[in-house]
Amino acid sequence: RLHLTAGATILGSTNRAHYSPGALISAQDAENI
């Protein structure tokens, strides 16, 4: 469980090489998230 407190920001990088796949938060074949 990813929990962001008030005032917390996860900010996307402006470098495409930092993305795989093209998403800020990705999940594949996961459960209970």
Full PDB file with SEQRES, HELIX, SHEET, SSBOND, CRYST1, ORIGX, SCALE, CONECT and MASTER records, all heavy atoms in Angstrom:
SEQRES   1 A   33  ARG LEU HIS LEU THR ALA GLY ALA THR ILE LEU GLY SER          
SEQRES   2 A   33  THR ASN ARG ALA HIS TYR SER PRO GLY ALA LEU ILE SER          
SEQRES   3 A   33  ALA GLN ASP ALA GLU ASN ILE                                  
HELIX    1 AA1 ARG A   16  HIS A   18  5                                   3    
CRYST1    1.000    1.000    1.000  90.00  90.00  90.00 P 1           1          
ORIGX1      1.000000  0.000000  0.000000        0.00000                         
ORIGX2      0.000000  1.000000  0.000000        0.00000                         
ORIGX3      0.000000  0.000000  1.000000        0.00000                         
SCALE1      1.000000  0.000000  0.000000        0.00000                         
SCALE2      0.000000  1.000000  0.000000        0.00000                         
SCALE3      0.000000  0.000000  1.000000        0.00000                         
ATOM      1  N   ARG A   1       0.853  -1.181   0.000  1.00  0.00           N  
ATOM      2  CA  ARG A   1       0.000   0.000   0.000  1.00  0.00           C  
ATOM      3  C   ARG A   1       0.888   1.230   0.000  1.00  0.00           C  
ATOM      4  O   ARG A   1       1.674   1.440   0.921  1.00  0.00           O  
ATOM      5  CB  ARG A   1      -0.913  -0.005   1.223  1.00  0.00           C  
ATOM      6  CG  ARG A   1      -1.670   1.291   1.468  1.00  0.00           C  
ATOM      7  CD  ARG A   1      -2.393   1.221   2.792  1.00  0.00           C  
ATOM      8  NE  ARG A   1      -2.850   2.516   3.246  1.00  0.00           N  
ATOM      9  CZ  ARG A   1      -3.203   2.798   4.504  1.00  0.00           C  
ATOM     10  NH1 ARG A   1      -3.150   1.840   5.428  1.00  0.00           N  
ATOM     11  NH2 ARG A   1      -3.605   4.014   4.835  1.00  0.00           N  
ATOM     12  N   LEU A   2       0.792   2.034  -1.052  1.00  0.00           N  
ATOM     13  CA  LEU A   2       1.558   3.266  -1.170  1.00  0.00           C  
ATOM     14  C   LEU A   2       0.695   4.398  -0.602  1.00  0.00           C  
ATOM     15  O   LEU A   2      -0.384   4.688  -1.122  1.00  0.00           O  
ATOM     16  CB  LEU A   2       1.899   3.535  -2.633  1.00  0.00           C  
ATOM     17  CG  LEU A   2       2.750   4.761  -2.941  1.00  0.00           C  
ATOM     18  CD1 LEU A   2       4.156   4.599  -2.349  1.00  0.00           C  
ATOM     19  CD2 LEU A   2       2.831   4.995  -4.446  1.00  0.00           C  
ATOM     20  N   HIS A   3       1.166   5.037   0.469  1.00  0.00           N  
ATOM     21  CA  HIS A   3       0.370   6.059   1.153  1.00  0.00           C  
ATOM     22  C   HIS A   3       1.051   7.414   1.052  1.00  0.00           C  
ATOM     23  O   HIS A   3       2.181   7.586   1.509  1.00  0.00           O  
ATOM     24  CB  HIS A   3       0.165   5.692   2.621  1.00  0.00           C  
ATOM     25  CG  HIS A   3      -0.735   6.661   3.342  1.00  0.00           C  
ATOM     26  ND1 HIS A   3      -2.101   6.558   3.327  1.00  0.00           N  
ATOM     27  CD2 HIS A   3      -0.444   7.763   4.088  1.00  0.00           C  
ATOM     28  CE1 HIS A   3      -2.634   7.543   4.029  1.00  0.00           C  
ATOM     29  NE2 HIS A   3      -1.645   8.287   4.507  1.00  0.00           N  
ATOM     30  N   LEU A   4       0.337   8.385   0.469  1.00  0.00           N  
ATOM     31  CA  LEU A   4       0.849   9.740   0.308  1.00  0.00           C  
ATOM     32  C   LEU A   4       0.182  10.642   1.347  1.00  0.00           C  
ATOM     33  O   LEU A   4      -1.035  10.855   1.306  1.00  0.00           O  
ATOM     34  CB  LEU A   4       0.551  10.277  -1.084  1.00  0.00           C  
ATOM     35  CG  LEU A   4       1.406   9.770  -2.254  1.00  0.00           C  
ATOM     36  CD1 LEU A   4       1.120   8.305  -2.553  1.00  0.00           C  
ATOM     37  CD2 LEU A   4       1.146  10.612  -3.503  1.00  0.00           C  
ATOM     38  N   THR A   5       0.960  11.161   2.274  1.00  0.00           N  
ATOM     39  CA  THR A   5       0.394  12.042   3.285  1.00  0.00           C  
ATOM     40  C   THR A   5       0.017  13.381   2.650  1.00  0.00           C  
ATOM     41  O   THR A   5       0.448  13.722   1.540  1.00  0.00           O  
ATOM     42  CB  THR A   5       1.397  12.288   4.414  1.00  0.00           C  
ATOM     43  OG1 THR A   5       2.561  12.937   3.872  1.00  0.00           O  
ATOM     44  CG2 THR A   5       1.813  10.978   5.061  1.00  0.00           C  
ATOM     45  N   ALA A   6      -0.790  14.167   3.352  1.00  0.00           N  
ATOM     46  CA  ALA A   6      -1.133  15.507   2.873  1.00  0.00           C  
ATOM     47  C   ALA A   6       0.146  16.308   2.675  1.00  0.00           C  
ATOM     48  O   ALA A   6       1.030  16.316   3.526  1.00  0.00           O  
ATOM     49  CB  ALA A   6      -2.043  16.195   3.876  1.00  0.00           C  
ATOM     50  N   GLY A   7       0.262  16.954   1.531  1.00  0.00           N  
ATOM     51  CA  GLY A   7       1.473  17.709   1.228  1.00  0.00           C  
ATOM     52  C   GLY A   7       2.531  16.915   0.501  1.00  0.00           C  
ATOM     53  O   GLY A   7       3.580  17.466   0.159  1.00  0.00           O  
ATOM     54  N   ALA A   8       2.279  15.645   0.248  1.00  0.00           N  
ATOM     55  CA  ALA A   8       3.228  14.806  -0.500  1.00  0.00           C  
ATOM     56  C   ALA A   8       2.833  14.772  -1.970  1.00  0.00           C  
ATOM     57  O   ALA A   8       1.668  14.567  -2.297  1.00  0.00           O  
ATOM     58  CB  ALA A   8       3.259  13.401   0.065  1.00  0.00           C  
ATOM     59  N   THR A   9       3.799  14.964  -2.845  1.00  0.00           N  
ATOM     60  CA  THR A   9       3.574  14.898  -4.288  1.00  0.00           C  
ATOM     61  C   THR A   9       4.606  13.988  -4.927  1.00  0.00           C  
ATOM     62  O   THR A   9       5.813  14.167  -4.712  1.00  0.00           O  
ATOM     63  CB  THR A   9       3.666  16.292  -4.933  1.00  0.00           C  
ATOM     64  OG1 THR A   9       2.634  17.132  -4.427  1.00  0.00           O  
ATOM     65  CG2 THR A   9       3.519  16.192  -6.450  1.00  0.00           C  
ATOM     66  N   ILE A  10       4.132  13.007  -5.667  1.00  0.00           N  
ATOM     67  CA  ILE A  10       5.018  12.226  -6.531  1.00  0.00           C  
ATOM     68  C   ILE A  10       4.939  12.870  -7.906  1.00  0.00           C  
ATOM     69  O   ILE A  10       3.879  12.885  -8.541  1.00  0.00           O  
ATOM     70  CB  ILE A  10       4.597  10.745  -6.562  1.00  0.00           C  
ATOM     71  CG1 ILE A  10       4.875  10.109  -5.195  1.00  0.00           C  
ATOM     72  CG2 ILE A  10       5.340  10.000  -7.660  1.00  0.00           C  
ATOM     73  CD1 ILE A  10       4.490   8.645  -5.113  1.00  0.00           C  
ATOM     74  N   LEU A  11       6.051  13.438  -8.352  1.00  0.00           N  
ATOM     75  CA  LEU A  11       6.106  14.264  -9.555  1.00  0.00           C  
ATOM     76  C   LEU A  11       6.814  13.521 -10.677  1.00  0.00           C  
ATOM     77  O   LEU A  11       7.921  13.017 -10.494  1.00  0.00           O  
ATOM     78  CB  LEU A  11       6.834  15.580  -9.253  1.00  0.00           C  
ATOM     79  CG  LEU A  11       7.007  16.553 -10.412  1.00  0.00           C  
ATOM     80  CD1 LEU A  11       5.659  17.103 -10.857  1.00  0.00           C  
ATOM     81  CD2 LEU A  11       7.945  17.693  -9.998  1.00  0.00           C  
ATOM     82  N   GLY A  12       6.177  13.489 -11.838  1.00  0.00           N  
ATOM     83  CA  GLY A  12       6.763  12.796 -12.969  1.00  0.00           C  
ATOM     84  C   GLY A  12       8.038  13.453 -13.468  1.00  0.00           C  
ATOM     85  O   GLY A  12       8.135  14.683 -13.583  1.00  0.00           O  
ATOM     86  N   SER A  13       9.029  12.641 -13.766  1.00  0.00           N  
ATOM     87  CA  SER A  13      10.255  13.120 -14.387  1.00  0.00           C  
ATOM     88  C   SER A  13       9.955  13.602 -15.807  1.00  0.00           C  
ATOM     89  O   SER A  13       8.986  13.166 -16.435  1.00  0.00           O  
ATOM     90  CB  SER A  13      11.281  11.989 -14.420  1.00  0.00           C  
ATOM     91  OG  SER A  13      12.355  12.305 -15.292  1.00  0.00           O  
ATOM     92  N   THR A  14      10.795  14.490 -16.318  1.00  0.00           N  
ATOM     93  CA  THR A  14      10.647  14.947 -17.696  1.00  0.00           C  
ATOM     94  C   THR A  14      11.584  14.222 -18.654  1.00  0.00           C  
ATOM     95  O   THR A  14      11.785  14.653 -19.783  1.00  0.00           O  
ATOM     96  CB  THR A  14      10.891  16.461 -17.785  1.00  0.00           C  
ATOM     97  OG1 THR A  14      12.183  16.757 -17.259  1.00  0.00           O  
ATOM     98  CG2 THR A  14       9.840  17.227 -17.000  1.00  0.00           C  
ATOM     99  N   ASN A  15      12.133  13.106 -18.201  1.00  0.00           N  
ATOM    100  CA  ASN A  15      13.015  12.286 -19.037  1.00  0.00           C  
ATOM    101  C   ASN A  15      12.282  10.993 -19.378  1.00  0.00           C  
ATOM    102  O   ASN A  15      11.976  10.193 -18.495  1.00  0.00           O  
ATOM    103  CB  ASN A  15      14.321  11.986 -18.278  1.00  0.00           C  
ATOM    104  CG  ASN A  15      15.350  11.292 -19.140  1.00  0.00           C  
ATOM    105  OD1 ASN A  15      15.012  10.630 -20.133  1.00  0.00           O  
ATOM    106  ND2 ASN A  15      16.617  11.423 -18.768  1.00  0.00           N  
ATOM    107  N   ARG A  16      12.003  10.788 -20.653  1.00  0.00           N  
ATOM    108  CA  ARG A  16      11.252   9.596 -21.064  1.00  0.00           C  
ATOM    109  C   ARG A  16      11.973   8.301 -20.700  1.00  0.00           C  
ATOM    110  O   ARG A  16      11.339   7.266 -20.516  1.00  0.00           O  
ATOM    111  CB  ARG A  16      10.998   9.633 -22.573  1.00  0.00           C  
ATOM    112  CG  ARG A  16      10.135  10.784 -23.029  1.00  0.00           C  
ATOM    113  CD  ARG A  16       9.932  10.715 -24.533  1.00  0.00           C  
ATOM    114  NE  ARG A  16       9.275  11.924 -25.033  1.00  0.00           N  
ATOM    115  CZ  ARG A  16       8.995  12.132 -26.311  1.00  0.00           C  
ATOM    116  NH1 ARG A  16       9.333  11.223 -27.210  1.00  0.00           N  
ATOM    117  NH2 ARG A  16       8.402  13.244 -26.688  1.00  0.00           N  
ATOM    118  N   ALA A  17      13.280   8.346 -20.627  1.00  0.00           N  
ATOM    119  CA  ALA A  17      14.040   7.146 -20.298  1.00  0.00           C  
ATOM    120  C   ALA A  17      13.743   6.644 -18.892  1.00  0.00           C  
ATOM    121  O   ALA A  17      14.067   5.499 -18.554  1.00  0.00           O  
ATOM    122  CB  ALA A  17      15.537   7.420 -20.450  1.00  0.00           C  
ATOM    123  N   HIS A  18      13.126   7.473 -18.065  1.00  0.00           N  
ATOM    124  CA  HIS A  18      12.796   7.063 -16.700  1.00  0.00           C  
ATOM    125  C   HIS A  18      11.466   6.315 -16.609  1.00  0.00           C  
ATOM    126  O   HIS A  18      11.060   5.931 -15.515  1.00  0.00           O  
ATOM    127  CB  HIS A  18      12.740   8.291 -15.781  1.00  0.00           C  
ATOM    128  CG  HIS A  18      14.042   9.003 -15.656  1.00  0.00           C  
ATOM    129  ND1 HIS A  18      14.139  10.333 -15.317  1.00  0.00           N  
ATOM    130  CD2 HIS A  18      15.325   8.562 -15.825  1.00  0.00           C  
ATOM    131  CE1 HIS A  18      15.414  10.696 -15.286  1.00  0.00           C  
ATOM    132  NE2 HIS A  18      16.152   9.628 -15.589  1.00  0.00           N  
ATOM    133  N   TYR A  19      10.808   6.117 -17.764  1.00  0.00           N  
ATOM    134  CA  TYR A  19       9.497   5.471 -17.766  1.00  0.00           C  
ATOM    135  C   TYR A  19       9.554   4.135 -18.498  1.00  0.00           C  
ATOM    136  O   TYR A  19      10.039   4.058 -19.623  1.00  0.00           O  
ATOM    137  CB  TYR A  19       8.454   6.356 -18.449  1.00  0.00           C  
ATOM    138  CG  TYR A  19       8.173   7.634 -17.715  1.00  0.00           C  
ATOM    139  CD1 TYR A  19       8.921   8.784 -17.979  1.00  0.00           C  
ATOM    140  CD2 TYR A  19       7.153   7.705 -16.773  1.00  0.00           C  
ATOM    141  CE1 TYR A  19       8.663   9.967 -17.313  1.00  0.00           C  
ATOM    142  CE2 TYR A  19       6.894   8.893 -16.102  1.00  0.00           C  
ATOM    143  CZ  TYR A  19       7.653  10.022 -16.381  1.00  0.00           C  
ATOM    144  OH  TYR A  19       7.387  11.191 -15.723  1.00  0.00           O  
ATOM    145  N   SER A  20       9.061   3.104 -17.834  1.00  0.00           N  
ATOM    146  CA  SER A  20       8.934   1.788 -18.465  1.00  0.00           C  
ATOM    147  C   SER A  20       7.896   0.977 -17.680  1.00  0.00           C  
ATOM    148  O   SER A  20       8.191   0.483 -16.581  1.00  0.00           O  
ATOM    149  CB  SER A  20      10.271   1.046 -18.475  1.00  0.00           C  
ATOM    150  OG  SER A  20      10.109  -0.240 -19.043  1.00  0.00           O  
ATOM    151  N   PRO A  21       6.692   0.795 -18.172  1.00  0.00           N  
ATOM    152  CA  PRO A  21       6.151   1.375 -19.407  1.00  0.00           C  
ATOM    153  C   PRO A  21       5.819   2.852 -19.209  1.00  0.00           C  
ATOM    154  O   PRO A  21       6.272   3.459 -18.234  1.00  0.00           O  
ATOM    155  CB  PRO A  21       4.870   0.562 -19.617  1.00  0.00           C  
ATOM    156  CG  PRO A  21       4.438   0.216 -18.223  1.00  0.00           C  
ATOM    157  CD  PRO A  21       5.694   0.022 -17.434  1.00  0.00           C  
ATOM    158  N   GLY A  22       5.012   3.415 -20.107  1.00  0.00           N  
ATOM    159  CA  GLY A  22       4.688   4.833 -20.042  1.00  0.00           C  
ATOM    160  C   GLY A  22       3.652   5.138 -18.984  1.00  0.00           C  
ATOM    161  O   GLY A  22       2.515   5.482 -19.297  1.00  0.00           O  
ATOM    162  N   ALA A  23       4.029   5.037 -17.720  1.00  0.00           N  
ATOM    163  CA  ALA A  23       3.111   5.339 -16.624  1.00  0.00           C  
ATOM    164  C   ALA A  23       3.918   5.779 -15.411  1.00  0.00           C  
ATOM    165  O   ALA A  23       5.047   5.325 -15.198  1.00  0.00           O  
ATOM    166  CB  ALA A  23       2.255   4.133 -16.275  1.00  0.00           C  
ATOM    167  N   LEU A  24       3.332   6.642 -14.603  1.00  0.00           N  
ATOM    168  CA  LEU A  24       3.990   7.062 -13.376  1.00  0.00           C  
ATOM    169  C   LEU A  24       3.936   5.938 -12.333  1.00  0.00           C  
ATOM    170  O   LEU A  24       4.952   5.617 -11.704  1.00  0.00           O  
ATOM    171  CB  LEU A  24       3.318   8.331 -12.841  1.00  0.00           C  
ATOM    172  CG  LEU A  24       4.009   9.053 -11.684  1.00  0.00           C  
ATOM    173  CD1 LEU A  24       5.425   9.462 -12.064  1.00  0.00           C  
ATOM    174  CD2 LEU A  24       3.193  10.274 -11.271  1.00  0.00           C  
ATOM    175  N   ILE A  25       2.765   5.337 -12.152  1.00  0.00           N  
ATOM    176  CA  ILE A  25       2.610   4.180 -11.266  1.00  0.00           C  
ATOM    177  C   ILE A  25       2.120   3.017 -12.104  1.00  0.00           C  
ATOM    178  O   ILE A  25       1.076   3.111 -12.764  1.00  0.00           O  
ATOM    179  CB  ILE A  25       1.600   4.441 -10.130  1.00  0.00           C  
ATOM    180  CG1 ILE A  25       1.966   5.709  -9.359  1.00  0.00           C  
ATOM    181  CG2 ILE A  25       1.529   3.237  -9.205  1.00  0.00           C  
ATOM    182  CD1 ILE A  25       3.225   5.620  -8.545  1.00  0.00           C  
ATOM    183  N   SER A  26       2.846   1.901 -12.079  1.00  0.00           N  
ATOM    184  CA  SER A  26       2.489   0.731 -12.866  1.00  0.00           C  
ATOM    185  C   SER A  26       2.352  -0.488 -11.960  1.00  0.00           C  
ATOM    186  O   SER A  26       3.056  -0.599 -10.951  1.00  0.00           O  
ATOM    187  CB  SER A  26       3.566   0.468 -13.930  1.00  0.00           C  
ATOM    188  OG  SER A  26       3.305  -0.714 -14.646  1.00  0.00           O  
ATOM    189  N   ALA A  27       1.420  -1.363 -12.321  1.00  0.00           N  
ATOM    190  CA  ALA A  27       1.302  -2.644 -11.617  1.00  0.00           C  
ATOM    191  C   ALA A  27       0.905  -3.706 -12.632  1.00  0.00           C  
ATOM    192  O   ALA A  27       0.026  -3.470 -13.472  1.00  0.00           O  
ATOM    193  CB  ALA A  27       0.275  -2.570 -10.499  1.00  0.00           C  
ATOM    194  N   GLN A  28       1.552  -4.851 -12.551  1.00  0.00           N  
ATOM    195  CA  GLN A  28       1.299  -5.949 -13.486  1.00  0.00           C  
ATOM    196  C   GLN A  28       1.209  -7.251 -12.703  1.00  0.00           C  
ATOM    197  O   GLN A  28       2.114  -7.593 -11.927  1.00  0.00           O  
ATOM    198  CB  GLN A  28       2.443  -6.043 -14.503  1.00  0.00           C  
ATOM    199  CG  GLN A  28       2.356  -7.198 -15.472  1.00  0.00           C  
ATOM    200  CD  GLN A  28       1.515  -6.885 -16.697  1.00  0.00           C  
ATOM    201  OE1 GLN A  28       1.385  -5.732 -17.081  1.00  0.00           O  
ATOM    202  NE2 GLN A  28       0.942  -7.918 -17.303  1.00  0.00           N  
ATOM    203  N   ASP A  29       0.090  -7.969 -12.866  1.00  0.00           N  
ATOM    204  CA  ASP A  29      -0.092  -9.279 -12.224  1.00  0.00           C  
ATOM    205  C   ASP A  29       0.101  -9.195 -10.703  1.00  0.00           C  
ATOM    206  O   ASP A  29       0.656 -10.112 -10.087  1.00  0.00           O  
ATOM    207  CB  ASP A  29       0.889 -10.299 -12.810  1.00  0.00           C  
ATOM    208  CG  ASP A  29       0.715 -10.469 -14.316  1.00  0.00           C  
ATOM    209  OD1 ASP A  29      -0.438 -10.509 -14.776  1.00  0.00           O  
ATOM    210  OD2 ASP A  29       1.731 -10.527 -15.026  1.00  0.00           O  
ATOM    211  N   ALA A  30      -0.370  -8.118 -10.105  1.00  0.00           N  
ATOM    212  CA  ALA A  30      -0.236  -7.938  -8.660  1.00  0.00           C  
ATOM    213  C   ALA A  30      -1.583  -8.123  -7.979  1.00  0.00           C  
ATOM    214  O   ALA A  30      -2.644  -8.066  -8.613  1.00  0.00           O  
ATOM    215  CB  ALA A  30       0.321  -6.553  -8.350  1.00  0.00           C  
ATOM    216  N   GLU A  31      -1.556  -8.345  -6.675  1.00  0.00           N  
ATOM    217  CA  GLU A  31      -2.794  -8.473  -5.913  1.00  0.00           C  
ATOM    218  C   GLU A  31      -2.639  -7.802  -4.556  1.00  0.00           C  
ATOM    219  O   GLU A  31      -1.522  -7.626  -4.054  1.00  0.00           O  
ATOM    220  CB  GLU A  31      -3.175  -9.946  -5.742  1.00  0.00           C  
ATOM    221  CG  GLU A  31      -2.176 -10.780  -4.986  1.00  0.00           C  
ATOM    222  CD  GLU A  31      -2.600 -12.238  -4.897  1.00  0.00           C  
ATOM    223  OE1 GLU A  31      -3.599 -12.599  -5.534  1.00  0.00           O  
ATOM    224  OE2 GLU A  31      -1.926 -12.996  -4.188  1.00  0.00           O  
ATOM    225  N   ASN A  32      -3.782  -7.430  -3.993  1.00  0.00           N  
ATOM    226  CA  ASN A  32      -3.810  -6.789  -2.673  1.00  0.00           C  
ATOM    227  C   ASN A  32      -2.902  -5.563  -2.632  1.00  0.00           C  
ATOM    228  O   ASN A  32      -1.983  -5.447  -1.815  1.00  0.00           O  
ATOM    229  CB  ASN A  32      -3.397  -7.786  -1.583  1.00  0.00           C  
ATOM    230  CG  ASN A  32      -4.280  -9.012  -1.563  1.00  0.00           C  
ATOM    231  OD1 ASN A  32      -5.498  -8.924  -1.778  1.00  0.00           O  
ATOM    232  ND2 ASN A  32      -3.686 -10.185  -1.344  1.00  0.00           N  
ATOM    233  N   ILE A  33      -3.185  -4.625  -3.537  1.00  0.00           N  
ATOM    234  CA  ILE A  33      -2.383  -3.404  -3.616  1.00  0.00           C  
ATOM    235  C   ILE A  33      -3.298  -2.200  -3.438  1.00  0.00           C  
ATOM    236  O   ILE A  33      -4.513  -2.278  -3.670  1.00  0.00           O  
ATOM    237  CB  ILE A  33      -1.608  -3.302  -4.948  1.00  0.00           C  
ATOM    238  CG1 ILE A  33      -2.570  -3.379  -6.147  1.00  0.00           C  
ATOM    239  CG2 ILE A  33      -0.554  -4.379  -5.040  1.00  0.00           C  
ATOM    240  CD1 ILE A  33      -1.891  -3.204  -7.493  1.00  0.00           C  
TER     241      ILE A  33                                                      
MASTER        0    0    0    1    0    0    0    6  240    1    0    3          
END                                                                             
